Amino acid sequence: MYKYLIIVEQSEHNFAAYSPDLPGCVATGKTQTEVAKNMRTAIEMHLEGLQEDGLPIPEPRSQADYVSVAVA
């Protein structure tokens, strides 16, 4: 079981997501829930493609955190 970080960004009309550990693996959706579901499917397909091509599956390495800053 792999657990990949996904980054979700909101645009004017929808949401987009990508995983820093899986370059080129992206998804979009009308809502955050939809983009997360679509990203899960995209990751599954991406990993299956890597396996079919005999390529290694990248280990998840990315992490996320928030930093609070005060603006004067």
PDB file of N, CA and C in Angstrom:
ATOM      1  N   MET A   1       0.854  -1.178   0.000  1.00  0.00           N
ATOM      2  CA  MET A   1       0.000   0.000   0.000  1.00  0.00           C
ATOM      3  C   MET A   1       0.893   1.232   0.000  1.00  0.00           C
ATOM      4  N   TYR A   2       0.647   2.111  -0.927  1.00  0.00           N
ATOM      5  CA  TYR A   2       1.380   3.366  -1.029  1.00  0.00           C
ATOM      6  C   TYR A   2       0.458   4.511  -0.631  1.00  0.00           C
ATOM      7  N   LYS A   3       1.037   5.544  -0.021  1.00  0.00           N
ATOM      8  CA  LYS A   3       0.270   6.722   0.378  1.00  0.00           C
ATOM      9  C   LYS A   3       0.994   7.946  -0.164  1.00  0.00           C
ATOM     10  N   TYR A   4       0.421   8.526  -1.231  1.00  0.00           N
ATOM     11  CA  TYR A   4       1.049   9.661  -1.897  1.00  0.00           C
ATOM     12  C   TYR A   4       0.383  10.970  -1.503  1.00  0.00           C
ATOM     13  N   LEU A   5       1.208  11.986  -1.293  1.00  0.00           N
ATOM     14  CA  LEU A   5       0.718  13.335  -1.073  1.00  0.00           C
ATOM     15  C   LEU A   5       0.149  13.863  -2.384  1.00  0.00           C
ATOM     16  N   ILE A   6      -1.034  14.483  -2.312  1.00  0.00           N
ATOM     17  CA  ILE A   6      -1.545  15.196  -3.469  1.00  0.00           C
ATOM     18  C   ILE A   6      -1.726  16.658  -3.077  1.00  0.00           C
ATOM     19  N   ILE A   7      -1.451  17.519  -4.018  1.00  0.00           N
ATOM     20  CA  ILE A   7      -1.635  18.954  -3.848  1.00  0.00           C
ATOM     21  C   ILE A   7      -2.882  19.327  -4.629  1.00  0.00           C
ATOM     22  N   VAL A   8      -3.828  19.983  -3.966  1.00  0.00           N
ATOM     23  CA  VAL A   8      -5.077  20.402  -4.603  1.00  0.00           C
ATOM     24  C   VAL A   8      -5.077  21.920  -4.678  1.00  0.00           C
ATOM     25  N   GLU A   9      -5.332  22.414  -5.874  1.00  0.00           N
ATOM     26  CA  GLU A   9      -5.375  23.863  -6.087  1.00  0.00           C
ATOM     27  C   GLU A   9      -6.734  24.234  -6.669  1.00  0.00           C
ATOM     28  N   GLN A  10      -7.286  25.329  -6.185  1.00  0.00           N
ATOM     29  CA  GLN A  10      -8.575  25.807  -6.684  1.00  0.00           C
ATOM     30  C   GLN A  10      -8.342  26.877  -7.739  1.00  0.00           C
ATOM     31  N   SER A  11      -9.018  26.730  -8.863  1.00  0.00           N
ATOM     32  CA  SER A  11      -8.970  27.766  -9.886  1.00  0.00           C
ATOM     33  C   SER A  11     -10.328  28.451  -9.926  1.00  0.00           C
ATOM     34  N   GLU A  12     -10.538  29.274 -10.893  1.00  0.00           N
ATOM     35  CA  GLU A  12     -11.788  30.026 -10.972  1.00  0.00           C
ATOM     36  C   GLU A  12     -13.001  29.119 -11.183  1.00  0.00           C
ATOM     37  N   HIS A  13     -12.814  28.020 -11.924  1.00  0.00           N
ATOM     38  CA  HIS A  13     -13.960  27.195 -12.297  1.00  0.00           C
ATOM     39  C   HIS A  13     -13.918  25.750 -11.797  1.00  0.00           C
ATOM     40  N   ASN A  14     -12.782  25.299 -11.283  1.00  0.00           N
ATOM     41  CA  ASN A  14     -12.688  23.904 -10.839  1.00  0.00           C
ATOM     42  C   ASN A  14     -11.503  23.724  -9.895  1.00  0.00           C
ATOM     43  N   PHE A  15     -11.171  22.488  -9.626  1.00  0.00           N
ATOM     44  CA  PHE A  15     -10.022  22.137  -8.802  1.00  0.00           C
ATOM     45  C   PHE A  15      -9.077  21.278  -9.642  1.00  0.00           C
ATOM     46  N   ALA A  16      -7.792  21.382  -9.361  1.00  0.00           N
ATOM     47  CA  ALA A  16      -6.782  20.557 -10.016  1.00  0.00           C
ATOM     48  C   ALA A  16      -5.899  19.953  -8.941  1.00  0.00           C
ATOM     49  N   ALA A  17      -5.343  18.781  -9.222  1.00  0.00           N
ATOM     50  CA  ALA A  17      -4.479  18.113  -8.259  1.00  0.00           C
ATOM     51  C   ALA A  17      -3.310  17.457  -8.969  1.00  0.00           C
ATOM     52  N   TYR A  18      -2.204  17.325  -8.217  1.00  0.00           N
ATOM     53  CA  TYR A  18      -1.036  16.617  -8.705  1.00  0.00           C
ATOM     54  C   TYR A  18      -0.314  16.021  -7.507  1.00  0.00           C
ATOM     55  N   SER A  19       0.589  15.094  -7.787  1.00  0.00           N
ATOM     56  CA  SER A  19       1.411  14.510  -6.732  1.00  0.00           C
ATOM     57  C   SER A  19       2.868  14.805  -7.034  1.00  0.00           C
ATOM     58  N   PRO A  20       3.578  15.455  -6.113  1.00  0.00           N
ATOM     59  CA  PRO A  20       4.997  15.752  -6.341  1.00  0.00           C
ATOM     60  C   PRO A  20       5.849  14.501  -6.574  1.00  0.00           C
ATOM     61  N   ASP A  21       5.412  13.365  -6.064  1.00  0.00           N
ATOM     62  CA  ASP A  21       6.177  12.131  -6.208  1.00  0.00           C
ATOM     63  C   ASP A  21       5.916  11.410  -7.526  1.00  0.00           C
ATOM     64  N   LEU A  22       4.908  11.870  -8.277  1.00  0.00           N
ATOM     65  CA  LEU A  22       4.532  11.209  -9.529  1.00  0.00           C
ATOM     66  C   LEU A  22       4.411  12.253 -10.645  1.00  0.00           C
ATOM     67  N   PRO A  23       5.536  12.737 -11.155  1.00  0.00           N
ATOM     68  CA  PRO A  23       5.485  13.773 -12.178  1.00  0.00           C
ATOM     69  C   PRO A  23       4.594  13.371 -13.358  1.00  0.00           C
ATOM     70  N   GLY A  24       3.764  14.310 -13.788  1.00  0.00           N
ATOM     71  CA  GLY A  24       2.877  14.069 -14.916  1.00  0.00           C
ATOM     72  C   GLY A  24       1.547  13.469 -14.550  1.00  0.00           C
ATOM     73  N   CYS A  25       1.379  13.071 -13.315  1.00  0.00           N
ATOM     74  CA  CYS A  25       0.114  12.479 -12.864  1.00  0.00           C
ATOM     75  C   CYS A  25      -0.754  13.593 -12.293  1.00  0.00           C
ATOM     76  N   VAL A  26      -1.827  13.941 -13.019  1.00  0.00           N
ATOM     77  CA  VAL A  26      -2.684  15.060 -12.636  1.00  0.00           C
ATOM     78  C   VAL A  26      -4.147  14.688 -12.812  1.00  0.00           C
ATOM     79  N   ALA A  27      -5.021  15.481 -12.189  1.00  0.00           N
ATOM     80  CA  ALA A  27      -6.469  15.288 -12.338  1.00  0.00           C
ATOM     81  C   ALA A  27      -7.165  16.609 -12.064  1.00  0.00           C
ATOM     82  N   THR A  28      -8.397  16.704 -12.538  1.00  0.00           N
ATOM     83  CA  THR A  28      -9.228  17.870 -12.269  1.00  0.00           C
ATOM     84  C   THR A  28     -10.597  17.404 -11.807  1.00  0.00           C
ATOM     85  N   GLY A  29     -11.373  18.328 -11.254  1.00  0.00           N
ATOM     86  CA  GLY A  29     -12.736  18.030 -10.829  1.00  0.00           C
ATOM     87  C   GLY A  29     -13.463  19.307 -10.468  1.00  0.00           C
ATOM     88  N   LYS A  30     -14.773  19.229 -10.453  1.00  0.00           N
ATOM     89  CA  LYS A  30     -15.593  20.400 -10.132  1.00  0.00           C
ATOM     90  C   LYS A  30     -15.567  20.737  -8.648  1.00  0.00           C
ATOM     91  N   THR A  31     -15.299  19.737  -7.797  1.00  0.00           N
ATOM     92  CA  THR A  31     -15.250  19.929  -6.349  1.00  0.00           C
ATOM     93  C   THR A  31     -13.979  19.290  -5.802  1.00  0.00           C
ATOM     94  N   GLN A  32     -13.656  19.605  -4.545  1.00  0.00           N
ATOM     95  CA  GLN A  32     -12.496  18.967  -3.911  1.00  0.00           C
ATOM     96  C   GLN A  32     -12.695  17.463  -3.817  1.00  0.00           C
ATOM     97  N   THR A  33     -13.899  17.046  -3.498  1.00  0.00           N
ATOM     98  CA  THR A  33     -14.189  15.614  -3.399  1.00  0.00           C
ATOM     99  C   THR A  33     -13.996  14.927  -4.744  1.00  0.00           C
ATOM    100  N   GLU A  34     -14.480  15.563  -5.792  1.00  0.00           N
ATOM    101  CA  GLU A  34     -14.358  14.977  -7.128  1.00  0.00           C
ATOM    102  C   GLU A  34     -12.902  14.921  -7.579  1.00  0.00           C
ATOM    103  N   VAL A  35     -12.143  15.987  -7.338  1.00  0.00           N
ATOM    104  CA  VAL A  35     -10.745  15.967  -7.774  1.00  0.00           C
ATOM    105  C   VAL A  35      -9.949  14.928  -6.987  1.00  0.00           C
ATOM    106  N   ALA A  36     -10.235  14.733  -5.715  1.00  0.00           N
ATOM    107  CA  ALA A  36      -9.541  13.708  -4.931  1.00  0.00           C
ATOM    108  C   ALA A  36      -9.861  12.313  -5.465  1.00  0.00           C
ATOM    109  N   LYS A  37     -11.114  12.079  -5.795  1.00  0.00           N
ATOM    110  CA  LYS A  37     -11.518  10.788  -6.374  1.00  0.00           C
ATOM    111  C   LYS A  37     -10.830  10.577  -7.718  1.00  0.00           C
ATOM    112  N   ASN A  38     -10.825  11.625  -8.551  1.00  0.00           N
ATOM    113  CA  ASN A  38     -10.194  11.518  -9.863  1.00  0.00           C
ATOM    114  C   ASN A  38      -8.686  11.330  -9.743  1.00  0.00           C
ATOM    115  N   MET A  39      -8.092  11.944  -8.738  1.00  0.00           N
ATOM    116  CA  MET A  39      -6.650  11.801  -8.535  1.00  0.00           C
ATOM    117  C   MET A  39      -6.310  10.386  -8.086  1.00  0.00           C
ATOM    118  N   ARG A  40      -7.145   9.802  -7.252  1.00  0.00           N
ATOM    119  CA  ARG A  40      -6.918   8.403  -6.837  1.00  0.00           C
ATOM    120  C   ARG A  40      -6.904   7.503  -8.069  1.00  0.00           C
ATOM    121  N   THR A  41      -7.874   7.704  -8.952  1.00  0.00           N
ATOM    122  CA  THR A  41      -7.951   6.909 -10.183  1.00  0.00           C
ATOM    123  C   THR A  41      -6.723   7.161 -11.052  1.00  0.00           C
ATOM    124  N   ALA A  42      -6.313   8.433 -11.179  1.00  0.00           N
ATOM    125  CA  ALA A  42      -5.143   8.771 -11.990  1.00  0.00           C
ATOM    126  C   ALA A  42      -3.877   8.109 -11.437  1.00  0.00           C
ATOM    127  N   ILE A  43      -3.723   8.106 -10.119  1.00  0.00           N
ATOM    128  CA  ILE A  43      -2.544   7.480  -9.506  1.00  0.00           C
ATOM    129  C   ILE A  43      -2.564   5.976  -9.752  1.00  0.00           C
ATOM    130  N   GLU A  44      -3.715   5.353  -9.575  1.00  0.00           N
ATOM    131  CA  GLU A  44      -3.813   3.909  -9.819  1.00  0.00           C
ATOM    132  C   GLU A  44      -3.413   3.581 -11.259  1.00  0.00           C
ATOM    133  N   MET A  45      -3.925   4.357 -12.211  1.00  0.00           N
ATOM    134  CA  MET A  45      -3.603   4.124 -13.616  1.00  0.00           C
ATOM    135  C   MET A  45      -2.119   4.396 -13.898  1.00  0.00           C
ATOM    136  N   HIS A  46      -1.583   5.430 -13.282  1.00  0.00           N
ATOM    137  CA  HIS A  46      -0.174   5.773 -13.451  1.00  0.00           C
ATOM    138  C   HIS A  46       0.716   4.628 -12.955  1.00  0.00           C
ATOM    139  N   LEU A  47       0.413   4.114 -11.780  1.00  0.00           N
ATOM    140  CA  LEU A  47       1.227   3.033 -11.213  1.00  0.00           C
ATOM    141  C   LEU A  47       1.093   1.754 -12.029  1.00  0.00           C
ATOM    142  N   GLU A  48      -0.115   1.460 -12.514  1.00  0.00           N
ATOM    143  CA  GLU A  48      -0.308   0.286 -13.366  1.00  0.00           C
ATOM    144  C   GLU A  48       0.511   0.422 -14.648  1.00  0.00           C
ATOM    145  N   GLY A  49       0.540   1.629 -15.211  1.00  0.00           N
ATOM    146  CA  GLY A  49       1.333   1.865 -16.415  1.00  0.00           C
ATOM    147  C   GLY A  49       2.820   1.661 -16.176  1.00  0.00           C
ATOM    148  N   LEU A  50       3.303   2.138 -15.025  1.00  0.00           N
ATOM    149  CA  LEU A  50       4.704   1.924 -14.685  1.00  0.00           C
ATOM    150  C   LEU A  50       5.011   0.433 -14.588  1.00  0.00           C
ATOM    151  N   GLN A  51       4.126  -0.318 -13.930  1.00  0.00           N
ATOM    152  CA  GLN A  51       4.334  -1.760 -13.794  1.00  0.00           C
ATOM    153  C   GLN A  51       4.334  -2.442 -15.149  1.00  0.00           C
ATOM    154  N   GLU A  52       3.385  -2.075 -16.022  1.00  0.00           N
ATOM    155  CA  GLU A  52       3.308  -2.672 -17.356  1.00  0.00           C
ATOM    156  C   GLU A  52       4.575  -2.406 -18.162  1.00  0.00           C
ATOM    157  N   ASP A  53       5.183  -1.240 -17.942  1.00  0.00           N
ATOM    158  CA  ASP A  53       6.404  -0.880 -18.658  1.00  0.00           C
ATOM    159  C   ASP A  53       7.663  -1.404 -17.973  1.00  0.00           C
ATOM    160  N   GLY A  54       7.489  -2.122 -16.867  1.00  0.00           N
ATOM    161  CA  GLY A  54       8.631  -2.686 -16.152  1.00  0.00           C
ATOM    162  C   GLY A  54       9.443  -1.650 -15.400  1.00  0.00           C
ATOM    163  N   LEU A  55       8.821  -0.518 -15.088  1.00  0.00           N
ATOM    164  CA  LEU A  55       9.513   0.551 -14.374  1.00  0.00           C
ATOM    165  C   LEU A  55       9.204   0.483 -12.878  1.00  0.00           C
ATOM    166  N   PRO A  56      10.106   0.965 -12.045  1.00  0.00           N
ATOM    167  CA  PRO A  56       9.870   0.921 -10.600  1.00  0.00           C
ATOM    168  C   PRO A  56       8.778   1.903 -10.181  1.00  0.00           C
ATOM    169  N   ILE A  57       8.074   1.549  -9.135  1.00  0.00           N
ATOM    170  CA  ILE A  57       7.079   2.444  -8.548  1.00  0.00           C
ATOM    171  C   ILE A  57       7.807   3.344  -7.553  1.00  0.00           C
ATOM    172  N   PRO A  58       7.699   4.670  -7.739  1.00  0.00           N
ATOM    173  CA  PRO A  58       8.403   5.588  -6.828  1.00  0.00           C
ATOM    174  C   PRO A  58       7.881   5.490  -5.400  1.00  0.00           C
ATOM    175  N   GLU A  59       8.809   5.518  -4.464  1.00  0.00           N
ATOM    176  CA  GLU A  59       8.430   5.552  -3.051  1.00  0.00           C
ATOM    177  C   GLU A  59       7.875   6.937  -2.730  1.00  0.00           C
ATOM    178  N   PRO A  60       6.794   7.006  -1.964  1.00  0.00           N
ATOM    179  CA  PRO A  60       6.291   8.313  -1.529  1.00  0.00           C
ATOM    180  C   PRO A  60       7.318   8.985  -0.617  1.00  0.00           C
ATOM    181  N   ARG A  61       7.666  10.241  -0.919  1.00  0.00           N
ATOM    182  CA  ARG A  61       8.669  10.949  -0.122  1.00  0.00           C
ATOM    183  C   ARG A  61       8.200  12.330   0.301  1.00  0.00           C
ATOM    184  N   SER A  62       7.227  12.885  -0.413  1.00  0.00           N
ATOM    185  CA  SER A  62       6.797  14.260  -0.146  1.00  0.00           C
ATOM    186  C   SER A  62       5.973  14.342   1.128  1.00  0.00           C
ATOM    187  N   GLN A  63       6.108  15.481   1.799  1.00  0.00           N
ATOM    188  CA  GLN A  63       5.342  15.781   2.997  1.00  0.00           C
ATOM    189  C   GLN A  63       4.832  17.210   2.879  1.00  0.00           C
ATOM    190  N   ALA A  64       3.846  17.548   3.658  1.00  0.00           N
ATOM    191  CA  ALA A  64       3.314  18.905   3.643  1.00  0.00           C
ATOM    192  C   ALA A  64       3.191  19.409   5.073  1.00  0.00           C
ATOM    193  N   ASP A  65       3.297  20.709   5.183  1.00  0.00           N
ATOM    194  CA  ASP A  65       3.140  21.362   6.477  1.00  0.00           C
ATOM    195  C   ASP A  65       2.721  22.794   6.215  1.00  0.00           C
ATOM    196  N   TYR A  66       2.200  23.451   7.213  1.00  0.00           N
ATOM    197  CA  TYR A  66       1.828  24.852   7.121  1.00  0.00           C
ATOM    198  C   TYR A  66       2.738  25.677   8.010  1.00  0.00           C
ATOM    199  N   VAL A  67       2.993  26.899   7.599  1.00  0.00           N
ATOM    200  CA  VAL A  67       3.795  27.828   8.366  1.00  0.00           C
ATOM    201  C   VAL A  67       2.962  29.086   8.573  1.00  0.00           C
ATOM    202  N   SER A  68       2.844  29.530   9.796  1.00  0.00           N
ATOM    203  CA  SER A  68       2.126  30.771  10.097  1.00  0.00           C
ATOM    204  C   SER A  68       3.092  31.931  10.073  1.00  0.00           C
ATOM    205  N   VAL A  69       2.676  33.015   9.431  1.00  0.00           N
ATOM    206  CA  VAL A  69       3.499  34.216   9.394  1.00  0.00           C
ATOM    207  C   VAL A  69       2.637  35.436   9.672  1.00  0.00           C
ATOM    208  N   ALA A  70       3.236  36.420  10.297  1.00  0.00           N
ATOM    209  CA  ALA A  70       2.545  37.687  10.560  1.00  0.00           C
ATOM    210  C   ALA A  70       3.074  38.714   9.573  1.00  0.00           C
ATOM    211  N   VAL A  71       2.164  39.477   9.015  1.00  0.00           N
ATOM    212  CA  VAL A  71       2.552  40.532   8.076  1.00  0.00           C
ATOM    213  C   VAL A  71       2.348  41.876   8.774  1.00  0.00           C
ATOM    214  N   ALA A  72       3.400  42.667   8.800  1.00  0.00           N
ATOM    215  CA  ALA A  72       3.328  43.954   9.497  1.00  0.00           C
ATOM    216  C   ALA A  72       2.570  44.984   8.695  1.00  0.00           C
TER     217      ALA A  72
END
